Structures are given as structure tokens and as C-alpha cells.
Amino acid sequence: MPKAKKIGKILLYVLGSCVLALIITFLLHRPSMKVVAQWKQPPDIPYDNGGPYYMSVVESDLDWRGFPLHVERNYFIYVGRDAGTPSYGHMVKYSFHAFPDGIEQFLQKAIVQWAAEGVTLELQSGHRLFIPKAMFIGGR
């Protein structure tokens, strides 16, 4: 009987360790969904009766490819009706490059142009991202 108790304790320890590892892994990979920057559709550019629409840059999960030397945050660009944390709309994963003053300051210099055809994000690095209105109207 003492041997069975030892095996039971070992199995309980292994099971508890696995559950703890799964919880830690889940928490480390969970997106923060923090809105880093946001721009509102101007009233003079109507898309449909459901507006206004917003373009947001949102923090996603962590990029572990550089671990242990460098772990970066992933981001996505969202266009939809949600002014806060996005729930339903068009999302595009986007890789931002070196911004020594932080991403919030980097994005303050960005230009967002709303047009009848869609919305364009222009960054000071020269990158441009155009999202056609068909991708985000109607809550897509």
C-alpha cells in the first residue's frame, strides 16, 4: 500500500504541474486587446447608416520568436464600429518596426485618410495600408 500512495502522490504532482503549465502558457499567449491608437470616420464621408467607423491599432499577443533575447508585442489594425476594444469588424495583422519613443508616440505621427473607397493608414516610415470599404462596412 505505501508504494501505491507514492505513485498516487507522484501522479498528482505531475498532473498539477501540467495544469499549472497550461494556465501559464494560456496567460502568456493571451492578447491584451489594448487599443494603442484610434481614428474616427469623419461625418462628411458616409459609408452606410451604421457608422461611424473607427480605425484602431490594437495590441495582440506576444511574439516569442526572439525568446529569450527579445520578445515583442504583435499588433493588428481594426476597422469597424467599435470605439473601444474591437469585437466585430475587419482585422489585419500588422508588423510595426523600430519606434524608439514607443508605439503610441510613433502612431501620433500617422495619417489616416478616410475616402469613399475606404481608409488608408500612412506611417512616417513610408508604409501605407489601404483597407477597401467593402471589407469593413456592415460590420465585417
N, C-alpha and C. Protein backbone atom coordinates (compact mmCIF):
# COMPACT_ATOMS: atom_id res chain seq x y z
N MET A 1 0.80 -1.20 0.00
CA MET A 1 0.00 0.00 0.00
C MET A 1 0.86 1.27 0.00
N PRO A 2 2.00 1.33 0.72
CA PRO A 2 2.80 2.54 0.72
C PRO A 2 3.31 2.88 -0.69
N LYS A 3 3.59 1.86 -1.50
CA LYS A 3 4.07 2.10 -2.86
C LYS A 3 2.97 2.75 -3.71
N ALA A 4 1.74 2.33 -3.52
CA ALA A 4 0.60 2.89 -4.26
C ALA A 4 0.40 4.36 -3.87
N LYS A 5 0.62 4.69 -2.60
CA LYS A 5 0.48 6.08 -2.17
C LYS A 5 1.54 6.97 -2.82
N LYS A 6 2.78 6.43 -2.92
CA LYS A 6 3.85 7.20 -3.55
C LYS A 6 3.54 7.46 -5.02
N ILE A 7 3.07 6.43 -5.69
CA ILE A 7 2.72 6.58 -7.11
C ILE A 7 1.57 7.58 -7.25
N GLY A 8 0.59 7.52 -6.37
CA GLY A 8 -0.53 8.45 -6.40
C GLY A 8 -0.07 9.89 -6.19
N LYS A 9 0.85 10.09 -5.25
CA LYS A 9 1.37 11.43 -5.00
C LYS A 9 2.16 11.94 -6.21
N ILE A 10 2.94 11.08 -6.81
CA ILE A 10 3.72 11.47 -7.99
C ILE A 10 2.79 11.84 -9.14
N LEU A 11 1.77 11.03 -9.39
CA LEU A 11 0.82 11.33 -10.45
C LEU A 11 0.07 12.63 -10.18
N LEU A 12 -0.30 12.87 -8.94
CA LEU A 12 -0.97 14.11 -8.56
C LEU A 12 -0.05 15.31 -8.80
N TYR A 13 1.21 15.18 -8.45
CA TYR A 13 2.19 16.24 -8.67
C TYR A 13 2.37 16.51 -10.17
N VAL A 14 2.49 15.46 -10.96
CA VAL A 14 2.66 15.62 -12.41
C VAL A 14 1.42 16.26 -13.02
N LEU A 15 0.25 15.81 -12.64
CA LEU A 15 -0.99 16.38 -13.15
C LEU A 15 -1.12 17.86 -12.76
N GLY A 16 -0.82 18.17 -11.50
CA GLY A 16 -0.88 19.56 -11.04
C GLY A 16 0.12 20.44 -11.79
N SER A 17 1.31 19.92 -12.06
CA SER A 17 2.32 20.66 -12.82
C SER A 17 1.86 20.92 -14.25
N CYS A 18 1.24 19.93 -14.86
CA CYS A 18 0.74 20.10 -16.23
C CYS A 18 -0.37 21.15 -16.29
N VAL A 19 -1.28 21.12 -15.35
CA VAL A 19 -2.36 22.11 -15.31
C VAL A 19 -1.78 23.51 -15.10
N LEU A 20 -0.83 23.65 -14.20
CA LEU A 20 -0.19 24.94 -13.97
C LEU A 20 0.55 25.43 -15.21
N ALA A 21 1.23 24.55 -15.90
CA ALA A 21 1.93 24.92 -17.14
C ALA A 21 0.94 25.37 -18.21
N LEU A 22 -0.19 24.70 -18.33
CA LEU A 22 -1.21 25.11 -19.30
C LEU A 22 -1.78 26.49 -18.98
N ILE A 23 -2.02 26.75 -17.71
CA ILE A 23 -2.56 28.05 -17.30
C ILE A 23 -1.54 29.16 -17.60
N ILE A 24 -0.28 28.94 -17.27
CA ILE A 24 0.76 29.94 -17.52
C ILE A 24 0.92 30.17 -19.02
N THR A 25 0.91 29.11 -19.81
CA THR A 25 1.03 29.23 -21.26
C THR A 25 -0.14 30.04 -21.82
N PHE A 26 -1.34 29.75 -21.37
CA PHE A 26 -2.52 30.50 -21.81
C PHE A 26 -2.38 31.98 -21.48
N LEU A 27 -1.97 32.31 -20.27
CA LEU A 27 -1.84 33.70 -19.86
C LEU A 27 -0.75 34.43 -20.64
N LEU A 28 0.33 33.75 -20.96
CA LEU A 28 1.42 34.38 -21.71
C LEU A 28 1.06 34.63 -23.17
N HIS A 29 0.16 33.84 -23.72
CA HIS A 29 -0.20 33.98 -25.14
C HIS A 29 -1.51 34.72 -25.37
N ARG A 30 -2.16 35.10 -24.32
CA ARG A 30 -3.45 35.77 -24.45
C ARG A 30 -3.27 37.20 -24.95
N PRO A 31 -4.03 37.63 -25.96
CA PRO A 31 -3.92 39.00 -26.45
C PRO A 31 -4.36 40.00 -25.39
N SER A 32 -3.66 41.14 -25.33
CA SER A 32 -4.04 42.16 -24.35
C SER A 32 -5.26 42.94 -24.83
N MET A 33 -5.44 43.08 -26.15
CA MET A 33 -6.55 43.81 -26.77
C MET A 33 -6.59 45.29 -26.37
N LYS A 34 -5.45 45.83 -25.97
CA LYS A 34 -5.37 47.25 -25.63
C LYS A 34 -5.35 48.08 -26.90
N VAL A 35 -6.22 49.08 -26.97
CA VAL A 35 -6.25 49.98 -28.12
C VAL A 35 -5.12 51.00 -27.93
N VAL A 36 -4.16 50.99 -28.86
CA VAL A 36 -2.98 51.85 -28.76
C VAL A 36 -3.24 53.20 -29.43
N ALA A 37 -3.97 53.20 -30.52
CA ALA A 37 -4.32 54.43 -31.24
C ALA A 37 -5.65 54.21 -31.94
N GLN A 38 -6.38 55.32 -32.15
CA GLN A 38 -7.70 55.18 -32.78
C GLN A 38 -8.05 56.47 -33.54
N TRP A 39 -8.70 56.28 -34.69
CA TRP A 39 -9.14 57.39 -35.52
C TRP A 39 -10.60 57.16 -35.90
N LYS A 40 -11.40 58.21 -35.82
CA LYS A 40 -12.83 58.12 -36.11
C LYS A 40 -13.13 58.62 -37.52
N GLN A 41 -14.04 57.94 -38.18
CA GLN A 41 -14.51 58.34 -39.51
C GLN A 41 -15.12 59.73 -39.43
N PRO A 42 -14.71 60.63 -40.33
CA PRO A 42 -15.32 61.96 -40.32
C PRO A 42 -16.76 61.90 -40.84
N PRO A 43 -17.62 62.80 -40.37
CA PRO A 43 -19.03 62.75 -40.77
C PRO A 43 -19.27 63.06 -42.25
N ASP A 44 -18.32 63.71 -42.91
CA ASP A 44 -18.52 64.05 -44.32
C ASP A 44 -18.23 62.90 -45.27
N ILE A 45 -17.80 61.74 -44.76
CA ILE A 45 -17.56 60.55 -45.59
C ILE A 45 -18.53 59.46 -45.13
N PRO A 46 -19.74 59.40 -45.68
CA PRO A 46 -20.69 58.37 -45.24
C PRO A 46 -20.46 57.04 -45.97
N TYR A 47 -20.52 55.95 -45.22
CA TYR A 47 -20.40 54.61 -45.82
C TYR A 47 -21.75 53.91 -45.85
N ASP A 48 -22.45 53.91 -44.75
CA ASP A 48 -23.78 53.33 -44.65
C ASP A 48 -24.46 53.96 -43.44
N ASN A 49 -25.63 53.51 -43.11
CA ASN A 49 -26.36 54.09 -41.98
C ASN A 49 -25.86 53.60 -40.63
N GLY A 50 -24.91 52.67 -40.62
CA GLY A 50 -24.47 52.07 -39.37
C GLY A 50 -23.28 52.72 -38.72
N GLY A 51 -22.72 53.79 -39.31
CA GLY A 51 -21.50 54.40 -38.82
C GLY A 51 -21.70 55.07 -37.47
N PRO A 52 -20.70 55.73 -36.94
CA PRO A 52 -19.39 55.92 -37.54
C PRO A 52 -18.49 54.69 -37.37
N TYR A 53 -17.48 54.65 -38.22
CA TYR A 53 -16.48 53.58 -38.15
C TYR A 53 -15.21 54.12 -37.51
N TYR A 54 -14.41 53.20 -36.99
CA TYR A 54 -13.15 53.55 -36.35
C TYR A 54 -12.03 52.70 -36.91
N MET A 55 -10.85 53.29 -37.05
CA MET A 55 -9.64 52.52 -37.33
C MET A 55 -8.84 52.53 -36.05
N SER A 56 -8.45 51.35 -35.59
CA SER A 56 -7.70 51.23 -34.34
C SER A 56 -6.47 50.36 -34.55
N VAL A 57 -5.41 50.68 -33.82
CA VAL A 57 -4.25 49.80 -33.72
C VAL A 57 -4.37 49.15 -32.35
N VAL A 58 -4.37 47.83 -32.33
CA VAL A 58 -4.65 47.07 -31.12
C VAL A 58 -3.50 46.11 -30.82
N GLU A 59 -3.12 46.07 -29.53
CA GLU A 59 -2.11 45.10 -29.10
C GLU A 59 -2.70 43.70 -29.15
N SER A 60 -1.91 42.78 -29.65
CA SER A 60 -2.36 41.39 -29.69
C SER A 60 -1.51 40.59 -28.71
N ASP A 61 -1.11 39.40 -29.10
CA ASP A 61 -0.33 38.53 -28.22
C ASP A 61 1.16 38.86 -28.32
N LEU A 62 1.97 38.08 -27.64
CA LEU A 62 3.42 38.26 -27.67
C LEU A 62 4.04 37.42 -28.79
N ASP A 63 5.08 37.96 -29.38
CA ASP A 63 5.84 37.24 -30.41
C ASP A 63 7.07 36.64 -29.75
N TRP A 64 7.06 35.33 -29.58
CA TRP A 64 8.10 34.63 -28.83
C TRP A 64 9.27 34.18 -29.72
N ARG A 65 9.27 34.55 -31.00
CA ARG A 65 10.31 34.05 -31.90
C ARG A 65 11.71 34.47 -31.49
N GLY A 66 11.87 35.61 -30.82
CA GLY A 66 13.19 36.08 -30.40
C GLY A 66 13.57 35.68 -29.00
N PHE A 67 12.74 34.87 -28.35
CA PHE A 67 13.00 34.45 -26.97
C PHE A 67 14.31 33.68 -26.89
N PRO A 68 15.12 33.89 -25.92
CA PRO A 68 14.97 34.69 -24.71
C PRO A 68 15.55 36.10 -24.82
N LEU A 69 16.12 36.45 -25.96
CA LEU A 69 16.77 37.74 -26.10
C LEU A 69 15.80 38.89 -26.30
N HIS A 70 14.75 38.64 -27.06
CA HIS A 70 13.85 39.74 -27.40
C HIS A 70 12.44 39.21 -27.65
N VAL A 71 11.49 39.66 -26.87
CA VAL A 71 10.09 39.29 -27.05
C VAL A 71 9.32 40.57 -27.38
N GLU A 72 8.68 40.59 -28.54
CA GLU A 72 7.94 41.77 -28.98
C GLU A 72 6.45 41.53 -28.88
N ARG A 73 5.71 42.61 -29.01
CA ARG A 73 4.26 42.55 -29.00
C ARG A 73 3.77 42.53 -30.45
N ASN A 74 2.79 41.70 -30.75
CA ASN A 74 2.13 41.70 -32.06
C ASN A 74 0.99 42.71 -32.02
N TYR A 75 0.65 43.25 -33.19
CA TYR A 75 -0.42 44.22 -33.30
C TYR A 75 -1.33 43.85 -34.46
N PHE A 76 -2.55 44.38 -34.44
CA PHE A 76 -3.41 44.29 -35.61
C PHE A 76 -4.14 45.60 -35.78
N ILE A 77 -4.52 45.86 -37.02
CA ILE A 77 -5.28 47.06 -37.35
C ILE A 77 -6.72 46.63 -37.54
N TYR A 78 -7.60 47.34 -36.88
CA TYR A 78 -9.02 47.01 -36.87
C TYR A 78 -9.80 48.17 -37.48
N VAL A 79 -10.75 47.87 -38.33
CA VAL A 79 -11.70 48.87 -38.82
C VAL A 79 -13.10 48.30 -38.60
N GLY A 80 -13.90 49.03 -37.85
CA GLY A 80 -15.25 48.58 -37.55
C GLY A 80 -15.98 49.63 -36.74
N ARG A 81 -17.10 49.26 -36.17
CA ARG A 81 -17.95 50.22 -35.44
C ARG A 81 -17.59 50.36 -33.97
N ASP A 82 -16.73 49.50 -33.46
CA ASP A 82 -16.41 49.55 -32.03
C ASP A 82 -15.38 50.64 -31.74
N ALA A 83 -15.72 51.53 -30.80
CA ALA A 83 -14.81 52.61 -30.42
C ALA A 83 -13.79 52.13 -29.39
N GLY A 84 -14.10 51.11 -28.64
CA GLY A 84 -13.18 50.58 -27.64
C GLY A 84 -12.54 49.31 -28.14
N THR A 85 -12.53 48.31 -27.28
CA THR A 85 -11.97 47.02 -27.65
C THR A 85 -12.78 46.42 -28.80
N PRO A 86 -12.11 46.05 -29.90
CA PRO A 86 -12.85 45.54 -31.05
C PRO A 86 -13.48 44.18 -30.79
N SER A 87 -14.69 44.02 -31.32
CA SER A 87 -15.35 42.73 -31.17
C SER A 87 -15.74 42.15 -32.53
N TYR A 88 -16.13 43.01 -33.47
CA TYR A 88 -16.58 42.51 -34.76
C TYR A 88 -16.27 43.56 -35.81
N GLY A 89 -15.49 43.20 -36.79
CA GLY A 89 -15.10 44.12 -37.85
C GLY A 89 -14.00 43.48 -38.68
N HIS A 90 -13.26 44.29 -39.41
CA HIS A 90 -12.18 43.79 -40.26
C HIS A 90 -10.86 44.00 -39.54
N MET A 91 -10.07 42.93 -39.43
CA MET A 91 -8.79 42.99 -38.71
C MET A 91 -7.67 42.52 -39.62
N VAL A 92 -6.54 43.25 -39.57
CA VAL A 92 -5.37 42.91 -40.37
C VAL A 92 -4.16 42.87 -39.43
N LYS A 93 -3.47 41.73 -39.36
CA LYS A 93 -2.24 41.68 -38.58
C LYS A 93 -1.23 42.60 -39.23
N TYR A 94 -0.51 43.36 -38.40
CA TYR A 94 0.43 44.33 -38.95
C TYR A 94 1.69 44.36 -38.11
N SER A 95 2.82 44.40 -38.78
CA SER A 95 4.11 44.41 -38.11
C SER A 95 4.68 45.82 -38.10
N PHE A 96 4.77 46.42 -36.93
CA PHE A 96 5.38 47.73 -36.80
C PHE A 96 6.86 47.55 -36.52
N HIS A 97 7.67 48.41 -37.11
CA HIS A 97 9.11 48.31 -36.95
C HIS A 97 9.59 49.34 -35.95
N ALA A 98 10.89 49.39 -35.76
CA ALA A 98 11.53 50.20 -34.72
C ALA A 98 10.88 51.55 -34.49
N PHE A 99 10.45 51.76 -33.26
CA PHE A 99 9.92 53.05 -32.84
C PHE A 99 10.54 53.33 -31.47
N PRO A 100 11.67 54.08 -31.46
CA PRO A 100 12.43 54.27 -30.22
C PRO A 100 11.66 54.98 -29.11
N ASP A 101 10.69 55.81 -29.43
CA ASP A 101 9.94 56.55 -28.40
C ASP A 101 8.68 55.82 -27.94
N GLY A 102 8.44 54.63 -28.44
CA GLY A 102 7.24 53.88 -28.09
C GLY A 102 6.21 53.96 -29.21
N ILE A 103 5.36 52.96 -29.26
CA ILE A 103 4.41 52.89 -30.37
C ILE A 103 3.36 53.99 -30.31
N GLU A 104 2.97 54.42 -29.10
CA GLU A 104 1.97 55.48 -29.01
C GLU A 104 2.47 56.77 -29.67
N GLN A 105 3.71 57.16 -29.39
CA GLN A 105 4.28 58.36 -29.99
C GLN A 105 4.48 58.18 -31.49
N PHE A 106 4.88 56.98 -31.90
CA PHE A 106 5.06 56.68 -33.32
C PHE A 106 3.74 56.86 -34.07
N LEU A 107 2.65 56.38 -33.50
CA LEU A 107 1.35 56.43 -34.16
C LEU A 107 0.72 57.82 -34.11
N GLN A 108 1.17 58.69 -33.21
CA GLN A 108 0.66 60.06 -33.19
C GLN A 108 1.03 60.80 -34.47
N LYS A 109 2.10 60.35 -35.12
CA LYS A 109 2.55 60.98 -36.37
C LYS A 109 1.93 60.33 -37.60
N ALA A 110 1.11 59.32 -37.40
CA ALA A 110 0.47 58.63 -38.52
C ALA A 110 -0.65 59.48 -39.09
N ILE A 111 -0.92 59.27 -40.36
CA ILE A 111 -2.00 59.98 -41.04
C ILE A 111 -3.03 58.95 -41.49
N VAL A 112 -4.28 59.18 -41.14
CA VAL A 112 -5.37 58.31 -41.58
C VAL A 112 -6.26 59.11 -42.50
N GLN A 113 -6.45 58.57 -43.71
CA GLN A 113 -7.28 59.25 -44.71
C GLN A 113 -8.51 58.39 -44.99
N TRP A 114 -9.67 58.96 -44.69
CA TRP A 114 -10.93 58.31 -44.98
C TRP A 114 -11.40 58.81 -46.34
N ALA A 115 -11.80 57.91 -47.21
CA ALA A 115 -12.29 58.27 -48.54
C ALA A 115 -13.49 57.39 -48.86
N ALA A 116 -14.20 57.73 -49.90
CA ALA A 116 -15.37 56.96 -50.30
C ALA A 116 -15.01 55.51 -50.63
N GLU A 117 -13.78 55.27 -51.07
CA GLU A 117 -13.34 53.92 -51.45
C GLU A 117 -12.89 53.08 -50.26
N GLY A 118 -12.50 53.74 -49.15
CA GLY A 118 -12.01 53.02 -47.99
C GLY A 118 -11.16 53.91 -47.11
N VAL A 119 -10.29 53.32 -46.34
CA VAL A 119 -9.46 54.07 -45.40
C VAL A 119 -7.99 53.67 -45.58
N THR A 120 -7.11 54.67 -45.47
CA THR A 120 -5.67 54.45 -45.65
C THR A 120 -4.93 54.90 -44.41
N LEU A 121 -4.01 54.06 -43.93
CA LEU A 121 -3.12 54.40 -42.83
C LEU A 121 -1.74 54.66 -43.43
N GLU A 122 -1.20 55.86 -43.21
CA GLU A 122 0.13 56.22 -43.69
C GLU A 122 1.03 56.45 -42.48
N LEU A 123 2.15 55.74 -42.45
CA LEU A 123 3.09 55.85 -41.34
C LEU A 123 4.29 56.68 -41.75
N GLN A 124 4.96 57.26 -40.76
CA GLN A 124 6.12 58.10 -41.03
C GLN A 124 7.26 57.31 -41.66
N SER A 125 7.23 56.00 -41.55
CA SER A 125 8.25 55.15 -42.16
C SER A 125 8.06 55.02 -43.67
N GLY A 126 6.92 55.51 -44.18
CA GLY A 126 6.63 55.40 -45.60
C GLY A 126 5.68 54.27 -45.93
N HIS A 127 5.36 53.43 -44.98
CA HIS A 127 4.41 52.34 -45.20
C HIS A 127 3.00 52.89 -45.32
N ARG A 128 2.22 52.24 -46.18
CA ARG A 128 0.81 52.59 -46.35
C ARG A 128 -0.02 51.32 -46.37
N LEU A 129 -1.15 51.39 -45.71
CA LEU A 129 -2.09 50.27 -45.72
C LEU A 129 -3.46 50.80 -46.10
N PHE A 130 -4.01 50.28 -47.20
CA PHE A 130 -5.34 50.67 -47.65
C PHE A 130 -6.30 49.52 -47.37
N ILE A 131 -7.44 49.85 -46.75
CA ILE A 131 -8.49 48.86 -46.50
C ILE A 131 -9.74 49.33 -47.23
N PRO A 132 -10.17 48.57 -48.26
CA PRO A 132 -11.37 48.97 -49.00
C PRO A 132 -12.61 48.91 -48.12
N LYS A 133 -13.55 49.81 -48.40
CA LYS A 133 -14.76 49.87 -47.57
C LYS A 133 -15.57 48.58 -47.59
N ALA A 134 -15.49 47.81 -48.67
CA ALA A 134 -16.22 46.54 -48.74
C ALA A 134 -15.77 45.55 -47.67
N MET A 135 -14.56 45.76 -47.14
CA MET A 135 -14.04 44.86 -46.11
C MET A 135 -14.57 45.17 -44.72
N PHE A 136 -15.06 46.40 -44.49
CA PHE A 136 -15.48 46.74 -43.14
C PHE A 136 -16.91 47.25 -42.99
N ILE A 137 -17.57 47.66 -44.08
CA ILE A 137 -18.95 48.12 -43.90
C ILE A 137 -19.86 46.93 -43.58
N GLY A 138 -20.87 47.21 -42.83
CA GLY A 138 -21.78 46.14 -42.44
C GLY A 138 -21.25 45.30 -41.29
N GLY A 139 -20.13 45.72 -40.66
CA GLY A 139 -19.59 45.02 -39.52
C GLY A 139 -18.71 43.83 -39.84
N ARG A 140 -18.24 43.70 -41.09
CA ARG A 140 -17.40 42.57 -41.46
C ARG A 140 -16.12 42.56 -40.70
